[in-house]
C-alpha atoms as a PDB file:
ATOM      1  CA  MET A   1       4.883  26.762   3.409  1.00  0.00           C
ATOM      2  CA  LEU A   2       5.706  25.450   6.833  1.00  0.00           C
ATOM      3  CA  GLU A   3       2.028  25.529   7.831  1.00  0.00           C
ATOM      4  CA  GLU A   4       1.101  23.301   5.140  1.00  0.00           C
ATOM      5  CA  PHE A   5       3.713  20.900   5.454  1.00  0.00           C
ATOM      6  CA  GLN A   6       2.878  20.643   9.670  1.00  0.00           C
ATOM      7  CA  SER A   7      -0.795  20.342   8.676  1.00  0.00           C
ATOM      8  CA  MET A   8      -0.304  17.457   6.220  1.00  0.00           C
ATOM      9  CA  GLY A   9       2.054  15.883   8.734  1.00  0.00           C
ATOM     10  CA  LYS A  10      -0.273  15.727  11.537  1.00  0.00           C
ATOM     11  CA  LYS A  11      -2.896  14.264   9.219  1.00  0.00           C
ATOM     12  CA  LEU A  12      -0.779  11.620   8.211  1.00  0.00           C
ATOM     13  CA  PHE A  13      -0.243  10.818  11.727  1.00  0.00           C
ATOM     14  CA  GLU A  14      -3.572  10.726  13.003  1.00  0.00           C
ATOM     15  CA  GLN A  15      -5.240   8.806  10.142  1.00  0.00           C
ATOM     16  CA  GLY A  16      -2.263   5.937  10.650  1.00  0.00           C
ATOM     17  CA  LEU A  17      -0.755   6.807   7.156  1.00  0.00           C
ATOM     18  CA  ILE A  18       2.725   7.037   8.888  1.00  0.00           C
ATOM     19  CA  GLY A  19       4.564   6.027  11.947  1.00  0.00           C
ATOM     20  CA  PRO A  20       6.347   7.745  14.544  1.00  0.00           C
ATOM     21  CA  CYS A  21       9.121   7.825  12.065  1.00  0.00           C
ATOM     22  CA  GLY A  22       9.425   7.529   8.383  1.00  0.00           C
ATOM     23  CA  GLY A  23       7.645   9.241   5.577  1.00  0.00           C
ATOM     24  CA  THR A  24       8.814  12.191   3.485  1.00  0.00           C
ATOM     25  CA  LEU A  25       6.788  15.357   2.302  1.00  0.00           C
ATOM     26  CA  SER A  26       7.959  17.057  -0.714  1.00  0.00           C
ATOM     27  CA  CYS A  27       6.804  20.363  -2.865  1.00  0.00           C
ATOM     28  CA  ARG A  28       7.903  21.905  -5.634  1.00  0.00           C
ATOM     29  CA  ASP A  29       8.973  25.808  -5.277  1.00  0.00           C
ATOM     30  CA  GLY A  30      10.070  27.280  -8.884  1.00  0.00           C
ATOM     31  CA  ASP A  31      13.421  25.663  -9.829  1.00  0.00           C
ATOM     32  CA  LYS A  32      13.918  24.307  -6.009  1.00  0.00           C
ATOM     33  CA  ILE A  33      11.970  21.669  -3.775  1.00  0.00           C
ATOM     34  CA  ILE A  34      11.331  21.751  -0.372  1.00  0.00           C
ATOM     35  CA  ILE A  35      11.956  18.564   1.209  1.00  0.00           C
ATOM     36  CA  THR A  36      11.576  16.793   4.816  1.00  0.00           C
ATOM     37  CA  LYS A  37      15.147  16.208   6.237  1.00  0.00           C
ATOM     38  CA  GLN A  38      16.562  13.054   7.126  1.00  0.00           C
ATOM     39  CA  GLY A  39      14.894  11.963  10.817  1.00  0.00           C
ATOM     40  CA  ALA A  40      12.250  14.339  10.452  1.00  0.00           C
ATOM     41  CA  ILE A  41       9.253  13.568  12.838  1.00  0.00           C
ATOM     42  CA  LEU A  42       6.307  14.641  10.309  1.00  0.00           C
ATOM     43  CA  SER A  43       3.822  14.838  13.117  1.00  0.00           C
ATOM     44  CA  ASN A  44       6.016  17.577  14.731  1.00  0.00           C
ATOM     45  CA  LEU A  45       7.375  19.885  12.198  1.00  0.00           C
ATOM     46  CA  ASN A  46       9.127  22.967  12.481  1.00  0.00           C
ATOM     47  CA  PHE A  47      10.942  25.031  10.270  1.00  0.00           C
ATOM     48  CA  ASP A  48      14.518  23.461  10.707  1.00  0.00           C
ATOM     49  CA  ASP A  49      12.945  20.022   9.566  1.00  0.00           C
ATOM     50  CA  LEU A  50      12.766  21.545   6.376  1.00  0.00           C
ATOM     51  CA  ALA A  51      15.479  21.405   3.612  1.00  0.00           C
ATOM     52  CA  GLU A  52      15.601  23.412   0.041  1.00  0.00           C
ATOM     53  CA  VAL A  53      17.382  21.709  -2.951  1.00  0.00           C
ATOM     54  CA  SER A  54      17.603  23.259  -6.063  1.00  0.00           C
ATOM     55  CA  PHE A  55      16.644  20.987  -9.227  1.00  0.00           C
ATOM     56  CA  GLY A  56      20.381  22.081 -10.918  1.00  0.00           C
ATOM     57  CA  GLU A  57      21.961  21.305  -7.861  1.00  0.00           C
ATOM     58  CA  GLY A  58      20.036  18.186  -7.091  1.00  0.00           C
ATOM     59  CA  LYS A  59      22.025  17.894  -3.688  1.00  0.00           C
ATOM     60  CA  ASN A  60      21.649  18.398  -0.101  1.00  0.00           C
ATOM     61  CA  PRO A  61      23.300  16.698   2.981  1.00  0.00           C
ATOM     62  CA  ASN A  62      20.542  17.046   5.502  1.00  0.00           C
ATOM     63  CA  ALA A  63      17.853  16.046   3.179  1.00  0.00           C
ATOM     64  CA  SER A  64      15.716  13.021   3.328  1.00  0.00           C
ATOM     65  CA  ILE A  65      16.936   9.961   1.796  1.00  0.00           C
ATOM     66  CA  ASP A  66      14.343   9.837  -0.434  1.00  0.00           C
ATOM     67  CA  LEU A  67      15.531  12.875  -2.005  1.00  0.00           C
ATOM     68  CA  PRO A  68      16.852  11.544  -5.774  1.00  0.00           C
ATOM     69  CA  THR A  69      13.453   9.599  -5.929  1.00  0.00           C
ATOM     70  CA  HIS A  70      11.427  12.908  -5.135  1.00  0.00           C
ATOM     71  CA  LEU A  71      13.651  14.633  -7.839  1.00  0.00           C
ATOM     72  CA  SER A  72      13.188  12.511 -10.289  1.00  0.00           C
ATOM     73  CA  ILE A  73       9.733  12.008  -9.826  1.00  0.00           C
ATOM     74  CA  TYR A  74       9.338  15.784 -10.388  1.00  0.00           C
ATOM     75  CA  SER A  75      11.373  15.626 -13.714  1.00  0.00           C
ATOM     76  CA  ALA A  76       9.231  13.320 -15.353  1.00  0.00           C
ATOM     77  CA  CYS A  77       5.666  14.594 -13.816  1.00  0.00           C
ATOM     78  CA  ASP A  78       3.767  18.152 -13.891  1.00  0.00           C
ATOM     79  CA  ILE A  79       3.066  18.098 -10.130  1.00  0.00           C
ATOM     80  CA  LYS A  80       3.889  20.149  -7.326  1.00  0.00           C
ATOM     81  CA  VAL A  81       3.646  17.704  -4.372  1.00  0.00           C
ATOM     82  CA  ILE A  82       4.868  14.369  -3.349  1.00  0.00           C
ATOM     83  CA  ILE A  83       3.781  12.274  -0.269  1.00  0.00           C
ATOM     84  CA  HIS A  84       5.914   9.011   0.765  1.00  0.00           C
ATOM     85  CA  ALA A  85       3.929   7.230   3.600  1.00  0.00           C
ATOM     86  CA  THR A  86       3.304   3.980   4.896  1.00  0.00           C
ATOM     87  CA  PRO A  87       0.145   2.968   5.012  1.00  0.00           C
ATOM     88  CA  ILE A  88      -0.370  -0.523   6.572  1.00  0.00           C
ATOM     89  CA  TYR A  89      -3.117  -1.726   4.850  1.00  0.00           C
ATOM     90  CA  ALA A  90      -1.740  -0.977   1.817  1.00  0.00           C
ATOM     91  CA  MET A  91       1.673  -2.417   2.304  1.00  0.00           C
ATOM     92  CA  ALA A  92       0.059  -5.206   3.990  1.00  0.00           C
ATOM     93  CA  ILE A  93      -1.830  -6.337   0.858  1.00  0.00           C
ATOM     94  CA  ALA A  94       0.933  -5.087  -1.545  1.00  0.00           C
ATOM     95  CA  VAL A  95       3.025  -8.239  -0.252  1.00  0.00           C
ATOM     96  CA  HIS A  96       0.948 -10.924  -2.042  1.00  0.00           C
ATOM     97  CA  GLU A  97      -0.033  -8.709  -4.906  1.00  0.00           C
ATOM     98  CA  GLU A  98       1.556  -7.524  -8.201  1.00  0.00           C
ATOM     99  CA  LYS A  99      -1.392  -4.780  -8.453  1.00  0.00           C
ATOM    100  CA  ILE A 100      -4.159  -3.932  -6.325  1.00  0.00           C
ATOM    101  CA  ILE A 101      -7.365  -3.673  -7.614  1.00  0.00           C
ATOM    102  CA  PRO A 102     -10.086  -1.318  -5.640  1.00  0.00           C
ATOM    103  CA  LEU A 103     -13.253  -2.341  -4.843  1.00  0.00           C
ATOM    104  CA  ASP A 104     -15.191   0.617  -4.415  1.00  0.00           C
ATOM    105  CA  TYR A 105     -16.635   3.195  -6.754  1.00  0.00           C
ATOM    106  CA  TYR A 106     -14.472   6.618  -5.979  1.00  0.00           C
ATOM    107  CA  ALA A 107     -10.937   4.569  -5.873  1.00  0.00           C
ATOM    108  CA  LYS A 108     -11.657   2.895  -9.173  1.00  0.00           C
ATOM    109  CA  GLN A 109     -12.587   6.376 -10.679  1.00  0.00           C
ATOM    110  CA  PHE A 110      -9.556   8.143  -9.150  1.00  0.00           C
ATOM    111  CA  LEU A 111      -6.828   5.537  -8.784  1.00  0.00           C
ATOM    112  CA  LYS A 112      -7.842   3.290 -11.753  1.00  0.00           C
ATOM    113  CA  GLY A 113      -5.498   0.683  -9.567  1.00  0.00           C
ATOM    114  CA  ILE A 114      -2.511   0.930  -7.291  1.00  0.00           C
ATOM    115  CA  PRO A 115       0.228  -0.719  -8.947  1.00  0.00           C
ATOM    116  CA  VAL A 116       2.877  -2.493  -6.656  1.00  0.00           C
ATOM    117  CA  VAL A 117       6.391  -1.937  -7.412  1.00  0.00           C
ATOM    118  CA  ARG A 118       9.298  -4.528  -6.556  1.00  0.00           C
ATOM    119  CA  VAL A 119      12.842  -3.364  -6.067  1.00  0.00           C
ATOM    120  CA  ARG A 120      15.977  -4.684  -4.828  1.00  0.00           C
ATOM    121  CA  ASP A 121      16.642  -1.391  -3.102  1.00  0.00           C
ATOM    122  CA  PRO A 122      14.218   1.598  -2.529  1.00  0.00           C
ATOM    123  CA  HIS A 123      16.896   4.161  -2.870  1.00  0.00           C
ATOM    124  CA  SER A 124      18.168   2.917  -6.347  1.00  0.00           C
ATOM    125  CA  ILE A 125      17.546   5.538  -8.624  1.00  0.00           C
ATOM    126  CA  GLU A 126      18.053   3.138 -11.313  1.00  0.00           C
ATOM    127  CA  GLU A 127      15.435   1.087 -10.353  1.00  0.00           C
ATOM    128  CA  ILE A 128      13.057   3.720  -9.248  1.00  0.00           C
ATOM    129  CA  ASN A 129      13.244   5.405 -12.983  1.00  0.00           C
ATOM    130  CA  ARG A 130      12.739   2.281 -14.266  1.00  0.00           C
ATOM    131  CA  PHE A 131       9.653   0.860 -12.239  1.00  0.00           C
ATOM    132  CA  LEU A 132       8.252   3.483  -9.922  1.00  0.00           C
ATOM    133  CA  VAL A 133       8.293   6.723 -12.120  1.00  0.00           C
ATOM    134  CA  PRO A 134       6.836   5.617 -15.293  1.00  0.00           C
ATOM    135  CA  LEU A 135       3.759   4.404 -13.368  1.00  0.00           C
ATOM    136  CA  LEU A 136       3.370   7.941 -11.640  1.00  0.00           C
ATOM    137  CA  LYS A 137       3.900   9.585 -15.007  1.00  0.00           C
ATOM    138  CA  SER A 138       1.036   7.762 -16.416  1.00  0.00           C
ATOM    139  CA  CYS A 139      -2.550   7.393 -14.866  1.00  0.00           C
ATOM    140  CA  TYR A 140      -1.407   6.070 -11.588  1.00  0.00           C
ATOM    141  CA  PRO A 141      -0.961   8.856  -8.754  1.00  0.00           C
ATOM    142  CA  CYS A 142      -0.473   6.598  -6.192  1.00  0.00           C
ATOM    143  CA  SER A 143       1.796   3.586  -6.383  1.00  0.00           C
ATOM    144  CA  ILE A 144       3.206   1.354  -3.593  1.00  0.00           C
ATOM    145  CA  VAL A 145       6.836   0.082  -3.471  1.00  0.00           C
ATOM    146  CA  ARG A 146       7.042  -3.374  -1.851  1.00  0.00           C
ATOM    147  CA  GLY A 147       8.289  -3.473   1.685  1.00  0.00           C
ATOM    148  CA  TYR A 148       8.838   0.519   1.641  1.00  0.00           C
ATOM    149  CA  GLY A 149       5.624   2.380   1.496  1.00  0.00           C
ATOM    150  CA  SER A 150       3.353   4.090  -0.940  1.00  0.00           C
ATOM    151  CA  PHE A 151       4.103   7.468  -3.256  1.00  0.00           C
ATOM    152  CA  SER A 152       1.310   9.421  -4.077  1.00  0.00           C
ATOM    153  CA  ILE A 153       1.241  13.005  -6.218  1.00  0.00           C
ATOM    154  CA  GLY A 154      -0.723  15.889  -7.016  1.00  0.00           C
ATOM    155  CA  LYS A 155      -0.955  19.535  -7.636  1.00  0.00           C
ATOM    156  CA  SER A 156      -1.550  20.058  -4.143  1.00  0.00           C
ATOM    157  CA  PHE A 157      -0.852  18.439  -0.541  1.00  0.00           C
ATOM    158  CA  ASN A 158      -4.544  18.068  -0.397  1.00  0.00           C
ATOM    159  CA  GLU A 159      -4.957  16.527  -3.711  1.00  0.00           C
ATOM    160  CA  ALA A 160      -1.882  13.611  -3.090  1.00  0.00           C
ATOM    161  CA  TYR A 161      -3.255  13.426   0.375  1.00  0.00           C
ATOM    162  CA  THR A 162      -6.614  12.244  -0.988  1.00  0.00           C
ATOM    163  CA  TYR A 163      -5.129   9.792  -3.440  1.00  0.00           C
ATOM    164  CA  LEU A 164      -3.690   8.046  -0.607  1.00  0.00           C
ATOM    165  CA  LEU A 165      -6.586   8.058   1.287  1.00  0.00           C
ATOM    166  CA  LEU A 166      -8.344   6.263  -1.122  1.00  0.00           C
ATOM    167  CA  ALA A 167      -5.728   3.467  -1.503  1.00  0.00           C
ATOM    168  CA  GLU A 168      -5.466   3.019   1.710  1.00  0.00           C
ATOM    169  CA  ARG A 169      -9.075   2.688   2.520  1.00  0.00           C
ATOM    170  CA  SER A 170      -9.680   0.842  -0.739  1.00  0.00           C
ATOM    171  CA  CYS A 171      -7.324  -1.573   0.470  1.00  0.00           C
ATOM    172  CA  LYS A 172      -9.062  -1.665   3.987  1.00  0.00           C
ATOM    173  CA  MET A 173     -12.145  -2.944   2.387  1.00  0.00           C
ATOM    174  CA  ILE A 174     -10.509  -5.385   0.375  1.00  0.00           C
ATOM    175  CA  ASN A 175      -8.609  -6.704   3.435  1.00  0.00           C
ATOM    176  CA  PHE A 176     -12.357  -6.837   5.513  1.00  0.00           C
ATOM    177  CA  SER A 177     -13.791  -8.531   2.110  1.00  0.00           C
ATOM    178  CA  LYS A 178     -10.849 -11.211   2.137  1.00  0.00           C
ATOM    179  CA  LYS A 179     -11.859 -11.963   5.950  1.00  0.00           C
ATOM    180  CA  THR A 180     -15.615 -12.445   5.443  1.00  0.00           C
ATOM    181  CA  ASP A 181     -14.996 -14.458   1.934  1.00  0.00           C
ATOM    182  CA  SER A 182     -12.536 -16.923   4.190  1.00  0.00           C
ATOM    183  CA  SER A 183     -15.627 -17.059   6.889  1.00  0.00           C
ATOM    184  CA  TYR A 184     -17.794 -18.296   4.099  1.00  0.00           C
ATOM    185  CA  GLY A 185     -15.084 -21.144   3.281  1.00  0.00           C
ATOM    186  CA  GLN A 186     -14.800 -22.222   6.628  1.00  0.00           C
ATOM    187  CA  ARG A 187     -17.831 -23.389   7.291  1.00  0.00           C
ATOM    188  CA  ASP A 188     -19.257 -26.975   8.288  1.00  0.00           C
ATOM    189  CA  ASP A 189     -22.436 -27.220   5.863  1.00  0.00           C
ATOM    190  CA  LYS A 190     -23.619 -30.310   6.627  1.00  0.00           C
ATOM    191  CA  SER A 191     -26.307 -30.569   3.852  1.00  0.00           C
ATOM    192  CA  LYS A 192     -23.311 -30.669   1.540  1.00  0.00           C
ATOM    193  CA  GLN A 193     -21.551 -33.770   2.734  1.00  0.00           C
ATOM    194  CA  LYS A 194     -22.591 -37.339   1.243  1.00  0.00           C
ATOM    195  CA  THR A 195     -23.803 -39.816   2.679  1.00  0.00           C
ATOM    196  CA  TYR A 196     -24.071 -43.354   1.971  1.00  0.00           C
ATOM    197  CA  ARG A 197     -26.137 -46.111   2.356  1.00  0.00           C
ATOM    198  CA  SER A 198     -25.249 -49.792   3.525  1.00  0.00           C
ATOM    199  CA  ALA A 199     -26.110 -52.483   1.187  1.00  0.00           C
ATOM    200  CA  ILE A 200     -26.767 -54.994   4.196  1.00  0.00           C
ATOM    201  CA  PRO A 201     -30.496 -53.956   5.980  1.00  0.00           C
ATOM    202  CA  PRO A 202     -30.082 -52.886   9.607  1.00  0.00           C
ATOM    203  CA  SER A 203     -31.802 -55.512  10.744  1.00  0.00           C
ATOM    204  CA  ILE A 204     -30.077 -58.489   9.202  1.00  0.00           C
ATOM    205  CA  GLY A 205     -26.331 -57.515  10.491  1.00  0.00           C
ATOM    206  CA  VAL A 206     -23.206 -59.428   9.870  1.00  0.00           C
ATOM    207  CA  MET A 207     -23.193 -63.169  10.120  1.00  0.00           C
ATOM    208  CA  ASP A 208     -20.749 -65.076  12.992  1.00  0.00           C
ATOM    209  CA  ARG A 209     -18.622 -67.553  11.206  1.00  0.00           C
ATOM    210  CA  SER A 210     -16.411 -68.054  13.933  1.00  0.00           C
ATOM    211  CA  TYR A 211     -17.826 -71.008  15.548  1.00  0.00           C
ATOM    212  CA  ARG A 212     -17.361 -73.181  12.309  1.00  0.00           C
ATOM    213  CA  ARG A 213     -14.494 -75.381  12.202  1.00  0.00           C
ATOM    214  CA  LYS A 214     -12.978 -77.016   9.571  1.00  0.00           C
ATOM    215  CA  ARG A 215     -13.117 -80.582   8.737  1.00  0.00           C
END
């Protein structure tokens, strides 16, 4: 179990899906879950960085602050793994979008779309239950909480990780596509500029009447 957490934490960091701090990993194990502790550095996990929480108690003072969110998702979804990460491109695009529509075939096939959830408090279980959980429970295995990060789910670490990678890669494509489109919009296309012809022939010019005086 520890090896899976360590391997996944390193992958997330190496792929730029988390920073030096932040992010949470958890795994369902029978009637309890294993979750990373508060302040755990995912890229350098050891046994002391993991906490056990039973579904019956639902509490552990050392567990990640995201524990209530993870418990709520596990209760609603038939999954075994949850990854909370902070993918840069996905989070940046989520600032301006209500739902991210992938451009590439594979993200469309596996993700359908990437919903963006807006909440006042990302740790409010009431808001999480109302907005995030229903999306993960339906057909969206990866969703973004605006300003906080992504939540991807799966039957295994690899599955949840794959959904997260697809989402971030898709958002990179969208970002590059927007940059390309904007460059076209900034072109100075002189061929499309309107030209106007003067009604006065150039050889005639304008007569100077300043020499005339009133009589």
